[in-house]
Each structure stands twice: as C-alpha cells, then as structure tokens.
PDB file of all heavy atoms in Angstrom:
ATOM      1  N   LEU A   1      -6.288  14.412 -26.513  1.00  0.00           N
ATOM      2  CA  LEU A   1      -5.576  15.685 -26.502  1.00  0.00           C
ATOM      3  C   LEU A   1      -4.350  15.605 -25.596  1.00  0.00           C
ATOM      4  O   LEU A   1      -4.386  15.017 -24.531  1.00  0.00           O
ATOM      5  CB  LEU A   1      -6.495  16.807 -26.014  1.00  0.00           C
ATOM      6  CG  LEU A   1      -7.676  17.153 -26.910  1.00  0.00           C
ATOM      7  CD1 LEU A   1      -8.550  18.204 -26.227  1.00  0.00           C
ATOM      8  CD2 LEU A   1      -7.199  17.665 -28.250  1.00  0.00           C
ATOM      9  N   ARG A   2      -3.272  16.224 -26.039  1.00  0.00           N
ATOM     10  CA  ARG A   2      -2.043  16.266 -25.250  1.00  0.00           C
ATOM     11  C   ARG A   2      -2.046  17.499 -24.365  1.00  0.00           C
ATOM     12  O   ARG A   2      -2.463  18.572 -24.767  1.00  0.00           O
ATOM     13  CB  ARG A   2      -0.829  16.327 -26.163  1.00  0.00           C
ATOM     14  CG  ARG A   2      -0.536  15.046 -26.859  1.00  0.00           C
ATOM     15  CD  ARG A   2       0.785  15.220 -27.637  1.00  0.00           C
ATOM     16  NE  ARG A   2       1.306  13.945 -28.038  1.00  0.00           N
ATOM     17  CZ  ARG A   2       2.081  13.182 -27.279  1.00  0.00           C
ATOM     18  NH1 ARG A   2       2.437  13.566 -26.095  1.00  0.00           N
ATOM     19  NH2 ARG A   2       2.516  12.030 -27.729  1.00  0.00           N
ATOM     20  N   LEU A   3      -1.555  17.316 -23.148  1.00  0.00           N
ATOM     21  CA  LEU A   3      -1.395  18.463 -22.253  1.00  0.00           C
ATOM     22  C   LEU A   3      -0.071  19.157 -22.488  1.00  0.00           C
ATOM     23  O   LEU A   3       0.059  20.354 -22.293  1.00  0.00           O
ATOM     24  CB  LEU A   3      -1.495  18.007 -20.794  1.00  0.00           C
ATOM     25  CG  LEU A   3      -2.835  17.409 -20.380  1.00  0.00           C
ATOM     26  CD1 LEU A   3      -2.760  16.882 -18.961  1.00  0.00           C
ATOM     27  CD2 LEU A   3      -3.941  18.427 -20.523  1.00  0.00           C
ATOM     28  N   LEU A   4       0.931  18.382 -22.877  1.00  0.00           N
ATOM     29  CA  LEU A   4       2.267  18.905 -23.163  1.00  0.00           C
ATOM     30  C   LEU A   4       2.692  18.440 -24.546  1.00  0.00           C
ATOM     31  O   LEU A   4       2.316  17.355 -24.977  1.00  0.00           O
ATOM     32  CB  LEU A   4       3.279  18.376 -22.146  1.00  0.00           C
ATOM     33  CG  LEU A   4       3.100  18.791 -20.702  1.00  0.00           C
ATOM     34  CD1 LEU A   4       4.072  18.026 -19.814  1.00  0.00           C
ATOM     35  CD2 LEU A   4       3.333  20.281 -20.554  1.00  0.00           C
ATOM     36  N   PRO A   5       3.504  19.231 -25.223  1.00  0.00           N
ATOM     37  CA  PRO A   5       4.030  18.757 -26.507  1.00  0.00           C
ATOM     38  C   PRO A   5       5.002  17.594 -26.273  1.00  0.00           C
ATOM     39  O   PRO A   5       5.661  17.525 -25.234  1.00  0.00           O
ATOM     40  CB  PRO A   5       4.761  19.978 -27.069  1.00  0.00           C
ATOM     41  CG  PRO A   5       5.034  20.848 -25.896  1.00  0.00           C
ATOM     42  CD  PRO A   5       3.973  20.558 -24.884  1.00  0.00           C
ATOM     43  N   PRO A   6       5.072  16.649 -27.225  1.00  0.00           N
ATOM     44  CA  PRO A   6       5.995  15.532 -27.033  1.00  0.00           C
ATOM     45  C   PRO A   6       7.444  16.028 -26.958  1.00  0.00           C
ATOM     46  O   PRO A   6       7.827  16.946 -27.668  1.00  0.00           O
ATOM     47  CB  PRO A   6       5.778  14.652 -28.263  1.00  0.00           C
ATOM     48  CG  PRO A   6       5.009  15.469 -29.230  1.00  0.00           C
ATOM     49  CD  PRO A   6       4.360  16.592 -28.483  1.00  0.00           C
ATOM     50  N   GLY A   7       8.205  15.410 -26.078  1.00  0.00           N
ATOM     51  CA  GLY A   7       9.600  15.803 -25.939  1.00  0.00           C
ATOM     52  C   GLY A   7      10.161  15.366 -24.607  1.00  0.00           C
ATOM     53  O   GLY A   7       9.505  14.658 -23.837  1.00  0.00           O
ATOM     54  N   PRO A   8      11.369  15.804 -24.289  1.00  0.00           N
ATOM     55  CA  PRO A   8      12.022  15.375 -23.051  1.00  0.00           C
ATOM     56  C   PRO A   8      11.309  15.866 -21.792  1.00  0.00           C
ATOM     57  O   PRO A   8      11.312  15.196 -20.773  1.00  0.00           O
ATOM     58  CB  PRO A   8      13.430  15.948 -23.145  1.00  0.00           C
ATOM     59  CG  PRO A   8      13.412  16.944 -24.235  1.00  0.00           C
ATOM     60  CD  PRO A   8      12.238  16.635 -25.114  1.00  0.00           C
ATOM     61  N   LEU A   9      10.676  17.022 -21.840  1.00  0.00           N
ATOM     62  CA  LEU A   9       9.966  17.524 -20.665  1.00  0.00           C
ATOM     63  C   LEU A   9       8.789  16.609 -20.318  1.00  0.00           C
ATOM     64  O   LEU A   9       8.552  16.310 -19.147  1.00  0.00           O
ATOM     65  CB  LEU A   9       9.466  18.952 -20.904  1.00  0.00           C
ATOM     66  CG  LEU A   9       8.645  19.562 -19.765  1.00  0.00           C
ATOM     67  CD1 LEU A   9       9.485  19.661 -18.490  1.00  0.00           C
ATOM     68  CD2 LEU A   9       8.112  20.914 -20.166  1.00  0.00           C
ATOM     69  N   GLU A  10       8.097  16.147 -21.335  1.00  0.00           N
ATOM     70  CA  GLU A  10       6.967  15.239 -21.118  1.00  0.00           C
ATOM     71  C   GLU A  10       7.435  13.935 -20.468  1.00  0.00           C
ATOM     72  O   GLU A  10       6.824  13.447 -19.514  1.00  0.00           O
ATOM     73  CB  GLU A  10       6.283  14.952 -22.454  1.00  0.00           C
ATOM     74  CG  GLU A  10       5.088  14.048 -22.339  1.00  0.00           C
ATOM     75  CD  GLU A  10       4.505  13.712 -23.696  1.00  0.00           C
ATOM     76  OE1 GLU A  10       5.281  13.462 -24.646  1.00  0.00           O
ATOM     77  OE2 GLU A  10       3.277  13.678 -23.791  1.00  0.00           O
ATOM     78  N   LEU A  11       8.524  13.379 -20.955  1.00  0.00           N
ATOM     79  CA  LEU A  11       9.078  12.145 -20.389  1.00  0.00           C
ATOM     80  C   LEU A  11       9.551  12.366 -18.953  1.00  0.00           C
ATOM     81  O   LEU A  11       9.258  11.563 -18.063  1.00  0.00           O
ATOM     82  CB  LEU A  11      10.229  11.628 -21.245  1.00  0.00           C
ATOM     83  CG  LEU A  11      10.920  10.362 -20.743  1.00  0.00           C
ATOM     84  CD1 LEU A  11       9.936   9.192 -20.696  1.00  0.00           C
ATOM     85  CD2 LEU A  11      12.110  10.025 -21.614  1.00  0.00           C
ATOM     86  N   ALA A  12      10.251  13.466 -18.717  1.00  0.00           N
ATOM     87  CA  ALA A  12      10.751  13.756 -17.374  1.00  0.00           C
ATOM     88  C   ALA A  12       9.599  13.934 -16.391  1.00  0.00           C
ATOM     89  O   ALA A  12       9.640  13.405 -15.281  1.00  0.00           O
ATOM     90  CB  ALA A  12      11.627  15.012 -17.398  1.00  0.00           C
ATOM     91  N   LEU A  13       8.555  14.647 -16.790  1.00  0.00           N
ATOM     92  CA  LEU A  13       7.407  14.842 -15.915  1.00  0.00           C
ATOM     93  C   LEU A  13       6.711  13.512 -15.631  1.00  0.00           C
ATOM     94  O   LEU A  13       6.287  13.244 -14.508  1.00  0.00           O
ATOM     95  CB  LEU A  13       6.423  15.831 -16.533  1.00  0.00           C
ATOM     96  CG  LEU A  13       5.215  16.184 -15.689  1.00  0.00           C
ATOM     97  CD1 LEU A  13       5.638  16.793 -14.358  1.00  0.00           C
ATOM     98  CD2 LEU A  13       4.307  17.144 -16.445  1.00  0.00           C
ATOM     99  N   GLY A  14       6.626  12.653 -16.649  1.00  0.00           N
ATOM    100  CA  GLY A  14       6.034  11.333 -16.453  1.00  0.00           C
ATOM    101  C   GLY A  14       6.804  10.517 -15.423  1.00  0.00           C
ATOM    102  O   GLY A  14       6.212   9.879 -14.548  1.00  0.00           O
ATOM    103  N   ILE A  15       8.119  10.548 -15.503  1.00  0.00           N
ATOM    104  CA  ILE A  15       8.951   9.802 -14.551  1.00  0.00           C
ATOM    105  C   ILE A  15       8.845  10.419 -13.159  1.00  0.00           C
ATOM    106  O   ILE A  15       8.771   9.700 -12.156  1.00  0.00           O
ATOM    107  CB  ILE A  15      10.411   9.742 -15.046  1.00  0.00           C
ATOM    108  CG1 ILE A  15      10.482   8.850 -16.286  1.00  0.00           C
ATOM    109  CG2 ILE A  15      11.344   9.232 -13.958  1.00  0.00           C
ATOM    110  CD1 ILE A  15      11.815   8.850 -16.985  1.00  0.00           C
ATOM    111  N   VAL A  16       8.813  11.752 -13.086  1.00  0.00           N
ATOM    112  CA  VAL A  16       8.697  12.437 -11.793  1.00  0.00           C
ATOM    113  C   VAL A  16       7.375  12.083 -11.116  1.00  0.00           C
ATOM    114  O   VAL A  16       7.303  12.008  -9.891  1.00  0.00           O
ATOM    115  CB  VAL A  16       8.837  13.969 -11.981  1.00  0.00           C
ATOM    116  CG1 VAL A  16       8.341  14.742 -10.781  1.00  0.00           C
ATOM    117  CG2 VAL A  16      10.281  14.325 -12.289  1.00  0.00           C
ATOM    118  N   LEU A  17       6.320  11.864 -11.876  1.00  0.00           N
ATOM    119  CA  LEU A  17       5.034  11.467 -11.294  1.00  0.00           C
ATOM    120  C   LEU A  17       4.951   9.968 -11.036  1.00  0.00           C
ATOM    121  O   LEU A  17       4.367   9.530 -10.051  1.00  0.00           O
ATOM    122  CB  LEU A  17       3.887  11.899 -12.216  1.00  0.00           C
ATOM    123  CG  LEU A  17       3.673  13.402 -12.353  1.00  0.00           C
ATOM    124  CD1 LEU A  17       2.644  13.690 -13.440  1.00  0.00           C
ATOM    125  CD2 LEU A  17       3.254  14.010 -11.038  1.00  0.00           C
ATOM    126  N   LEU A  18       5.538   9.168 -11.922  1.00  0.00           N
ATOM    127  CA  LEU A  18       5.452   7.716 -11.817  1.00  0.00           C
ATOM    128  C   LEU A  18       6.270   7.172 -10.639  1.00  0.00           C
ATOM    129  O   LEU A  18       5.771   6.349  -9.866  1.00  0.00           O
ATOM    130  CB  LEU A  18       5.924   7.056 -13.113  1.00  0.00           C
ATOM    131  CG  LEU A  18       5.975   5.534 -13.126  1.00  0.00           C
ATOM    132  CD1 LEU A  18       4.580   4.950 -12.947  1.00  0.00           C
ATOM    133  CD2 LEU A  18       6.604   5.033 -14.420  1.00  0.00           C
ATOM    134  N   ALA A  19       7.491   7.610 -10.503  1.00  0.00           N
ATOM    135  CA  ALA A  19       8.379   7.054  -9.469  1.00  0.00           C
ATOM    136  C   ALA A  19       7.803   7.210  -8.058  1.00  0.00           C
ATOM    137  O   ALA A  19       7.725   6.228  -7.314  1.00  0.00           O
ATOM    138  CB  ALA A  19       9.775   7.675  -9.580  1.00  0.00           C
ATOM    139  N   PRO A  20       7.368   8.394  -7.650  1.00  0.00           N
ATOM    140  CA  PRO A  20       6.783   8.490  -6.302  1.00  0.00           C
ATOM    141  C   PRO A  20       5.470   7.713  -6.171  1.00  0.00           C
ATOM    142  O   PRO A  20       5.159   7.193  -5.102  1.00  0.00           O
ATOM    143  CB  PRO A  20       6.543   9.989  -6.096  1.00  0.00           C
ATOM    144  CG  PRO A  20       7.258  10.678  -7.172  1.00  0.00           C
ATOM    145  CD  PRO A  20       7.520   9.704  -8.258  1.00  0.00           C
ATOM    146  N   GLY A  21       4.705   7.632  -7.251  1.00  0.00           N
ATOM    147  CA  GLY A  21       3.461   6.862  -7.200  1.00  0.00           C
ATOM    148  C   GLY A  21       3.713   5.393  -6.951  1.00  0.00           C
ATOM    149  O   GLY A  21       3.060   4.760  -6.114  1.00  0.00           O
ATOM    150  N   LEU A  22       4.675   4.827  -7.650  1.00  0.00           N
ATOM    151  CA  LEU A  22       5.020   3.424  -7.444  1.00  0.00           C
ATOM    152  C   LEU A  22       5.650   3.228  -6.066  1.00  0.00           C
ATOM    153  O   LEU A  22       5.377   2.235  -5.386  1.00  0.00           O
ATOM    154  CB  LEU A  22       5.970   2.936  -8.543  1.00  0.00           C
ATOM    155  CG  LEU A  22       5.369   2.877  -9.950  1.00  0.00           C
ATOM    156  CD1 LEU A  22       6.435   2.434 -10.951  1.00  0.00           C
ATOM    157  CD2 LEU A  22       4.154   1.993 -10.014  1.00  0.00           C
ATOM    158  N   ALA A  23       6.485   4.182  -5.655  1.00  0.00           N
ATOM    159  CA  ALA A  23       7.093   4.082  -4.327  1.00  0.00           C
ATOM    160  C   ALA A  23       6.017   4.118  -3.240  1.00  0.00           C
ATOM    161  O   ALA A  23       6.110   3.399  -2.242  1.00  0.00           O
ATOM    162  CB  ALA A  23       8.099   5.221  -4.116  1.00  0.00           C
ATOM    163  N   PHE A  24       4.968   4.914  -3.436  1.00  0.00           N
ATOM    164  CA  PHE A  24       3.873   4.977  -2.470  1.00  0.00           C
ATOM    165  C   PHE A  24       3.163   3.630  -2.359  1.00  0.00           C
ATOM    166  O   PHE A  24       2.823   3.196  -1.261  1.00  0.00           O
ATOM    167  CB  PHE A  24       2.878   6.068  -2.870  1.00  0.00           C
ATOM    168  CG  PHE A  24       1.699   6.149  -1.946  1.00  0.00           C
ATOM    169  CD1 PHE A  24       1.830   6.698  -0.682  1.00  0.00           C
ATOM    170  CD2 PHE A  24       0.463   5.664  -2.338  1.00  0.00           C
ATOM    171  CE1 PHE A  24       0.742   6.770   0.178  1.00  0.00           C
ATOM    172  CE2 PHE A  24      -0.628   5.725  -1.494  1.00  0.00           C
ATOM    173  CZ  PHE A  24      -0.489   6.284  -0.230  1.00  0.00           C
ATOM    174  N   THR A  25       2.954   2.944  -3.491  1.00  0.00           N
ATOM    175  CA  THR A  25       2.286   1.637  -3.426  1.00  0.00           C
ATOM    176  C   THR A  25       3.145   0.627  -2.679  1.00  0.00           C
ATOM    177  O   THR A  25       2.620  -0.200  -1.936  1.00  0.00           O
ATOM    178  CB  THR A  25       1.946   1.095  -4.822  1.00  0.00           C
ATOM    179  OG1 THR A  25       3.149   0.813  -5.551  1.00  0.00           O
ATOM    180  CG2 THR A  25       1.078   2.058  -5.605  1.00  0.00           C
ATOM    181  N   VAL A  26       4.455   0.693  -2.867  1.00  0.00           N
ATOM    182  CA  VAL A  26       5.356  -0.219  -2.152  1.00  0.00           C
ATOM    183  C   VAL A  26       5.327   0.109  -0.664  1.00  0.00           C
ATOM    184  O   VAL A  26       5.224  -0.787   0.182  1.00  0.00           O
ATOM    185  CB  VAL A  26       6.795  -0.128  -2.713  1.00  0.00           C
ATOM    186  CG1 VAL A  26       7.778  -0.867  -1.831  1.00  0.00           C
ATOM    187  CG2 VAL A  26       6.832  -0.658  -4.149  1.00  0.00           C
ATOM    188  N   TRP A  27       5.409   1.400  -0.311  1.00  0.00           N
ATOM    189  CA  TRP A  27       5.347   1.797   1.089  1.00  0.00           C
ATOM    190  C   TRP A  27       4.040   1.334   1.726  1.00  0.00           C
ATOM    191  O   TRP A  27       4.030   0.813   2.837  1.00  0.00           O
ATOM    192  CB  TRP A  27       5.483   3.315   1.208  1.00  0.00           C
ATOM    193  CG  TRP A  27       5.208   3.804   2.589  1.00  0.00           C
ATOM    194  CD1 TRP A  27       6.086   3.857   3.632  1.00  0.00           C
ATOM    195  CD2 TRP A  27       3.960   4.267   3.102  1.00  0.00           C
ATOM    196  NE1 TRP A  27       5.458   4.344   4.755  1.00  0.00           N
ATOM    197  CE2 TRP A  27       4.142   4.606   4.463  1.00  0.00           C
ATOM    198  CE3 TRP A  27       2.695   4.439   2.539  1.00  0.00           C
ATOM    199  CZ2 TRP A  27       3.119   5.104   5.251  1.00  0.00           C
ATOM    200  CZ3 TRP A  27       1.678   4.929   3.331  1.00  0.00           C
ATOM    201  CH2 TRP A  27       1.893   5.253   4.670  1.00  0.00           C
ATOM    202  N   ALA A  28       2.923   1.516   1.018  1.00  0.00           N
ATOM    203  CA  ALA A  28       1.620   1.128   1.560  1.00  0.00           C
ATOM    204  C   ALA A  28       1.556  -0.373   1.797  1.00  0.00           C
ATOM    205  O   ALA A  28       1.031  -0.825   2.815  1.00  0.00           O
ATOM    206  CB  ALA A  28       0.506   1.567   0.615  1.00  0.00           C
ATOM    207  N   ARG A  29       2.106  -1.144   0.877  1.00  0.00           N
ATOM    208  CA  ARG A  29       2.082  -2.599   1.056  1.00  0.00           C
ATOM    209  C   ARG A  29       2.914  -3.002   2.266  1.00  0.00           C
ATOM    210  O   ARG A  29       2.507  -3.843   3.054  1.00  0.00           O
ATOM    211  CB  ARG A  29       2.592  -3.293  -0.199  1.00  0.00           C
ATOM    212  CG  ARG A  29       2.482  -4.782  -0.110  1.00  0.00           C
ATOM    213  CD  ARG A  29       2.708  -5.448  -1.441  1.00  0.00           C
ATOM    214  NE  ARG A  29       2.195  -6.804  -1.353  1.00  0.00           N
ATOM    215  CZ  ARG A  29       1.618  -7.429  -2.334  1.00  0.00           C
ATOM    216  NH1 ARG A  29       1.456  -6.839  -3.484  1.00  0.00           N
ATOM    217  NH2 ARG A  29       1.184  -8.650  -2.182  1.00  0.00           N
ATOM    218  N   VAL A  30       4.072  -2.415   2.430  1.00  0.00           N
ATOM    219  CA  VAL A  30       4.929  -2.727   3.576  1.00  0.00           C
ATOM    220  C   VAL A  30       4.269  -2.251   4.857  1.00  0.00           C
ATOM    221  O   VAL A  30       4.235  -2.983   5.856  1.00  0.00           O
ATOM    222  CB  VAL A  30       6.329  -2.062   3.406  1.00  0.00           C
ATOM    223  CG1 VAL A  30       7.137  -2.151   4.673  1.00  0.00           C
ATOM    224  CG2 VAL A  30       7.057  -2.697   2.238  1.00  0.00           C
ATOM    225  N   TYR A  31       3.699  -1.058   4.876  1.00  0.00           N
ATOM    226  CA  TYR A  31       3.057  -0.519   6.078  1.00  0.00           C
ATOM    227  C   TYR A  31       1.848  -1.346   6.466  1.00  0.00           C
ATOM    228  O   TYR A  31       1.674  -1.696   7.636  1.00  0.00           O
ATOM    229  CB  TYR A  31       2.654   0.946   5.831  1.00  0.00           C
ATOM    230  CG  TYR A  31       1.890   1.524   6.996  1.00  0.00           C
ATOM    231  CD1 TYR A  31       2.566   1.935   8.145  1.00  0.00           C
ATOM    232  CD2 TYR A  31       0.516   1.653   6.948  1.00  0.00           C
ATOM    233  CE1 TYR A  31       1.881   2.463   9.227  1.00  0.00           C
ATOM    234  CE2 TYR A  31      -0.190   2.175   8.039  1.00  0.00           C
ATOM    235  CZ  TYR A  31       0.498   2.575   9.159  1.00  0.00           C
ATOM    236  OH  TYR A  31      -0.186   3.084  10.217  1.00  0.00           O
ATOM    237  N   LEU A  32       0.980  -1.662   5.509  1.00  0.00           N
ATOM    238  CA  LEU A  32      -0.207  -2.440   5.829  1.00  0.00           C
ATOM    239  C   LEU A  32       0.143  -3.846   6.279  1.00  0.00           C
ATOM    240  O   LEU A  32      -0.520  -4.412   7.142  1.00  0.00           O
ATOM    241  CB  LEU A  32      -1.168  -2.482   4.637  1.00  0.00           C
ATOM    242  CG  LEU A  32      -1.828  -1.151   4.299  1.00  0.00           C
ATOM    243  CD1 LEU A  32      -2.625  -1.266   3.017  1.00  0.00           C
ATOM    244  CD2 LEU A  32      -2.686  -0.653   5.432  1.00  0.00           C
ATOM    245  N   ALA A  33       1.204  -4.403   5.716  1.00  0.00           N
ATOM    246  CA  ALA A  33       1.636  -5.747   6.146  1.00  0.00           C
ATOM    247  C   ALA A  33       2.164  -5.687   7.573  1.00  0.00           C
ATOM    248  O   ALA A  33       1.966  -6.617   8.346  1.00  0.00           O
ATOM    249  CB  ALA A  33       2.705  -6.286   5.208  1.00  0.00           C
ATOM    250  N   GLY A  34       2.781  -4.592   7.944  1.00  0.00           N
ATOM    251  CA  GLY A  34       3.336  -4.453   9.280  1.00  0.00           C
ATOM    252  C   GLY A  34       2.306  -4.183  10.353  1.00  0.00           C
ATOM    253  O   GLY A  34       2.529  -4.433  11.528  1.00  0.00           O
TER     254      GLY A  34
END
C-alpha cells in the first residue's frame, strides 16, 4: 500500500528523509572513529 500518491511530492519527501539519514550515518562513523 502507498502512503502517498506517486508524484513529485513523494520523491521530494523521500529525498528529505534520505539525505539527513545518510548524513547521520556519516556523522556517526566520523564521531565514533574520533
């Protein structure tokens, strides 16, 4: 089941959630290494 209809809003929301999530993993790797 889809939560949102397909379209630009769905893509934008995906990027808005993905970018900070990936940035958090990079930050965590740098922080834990430090």
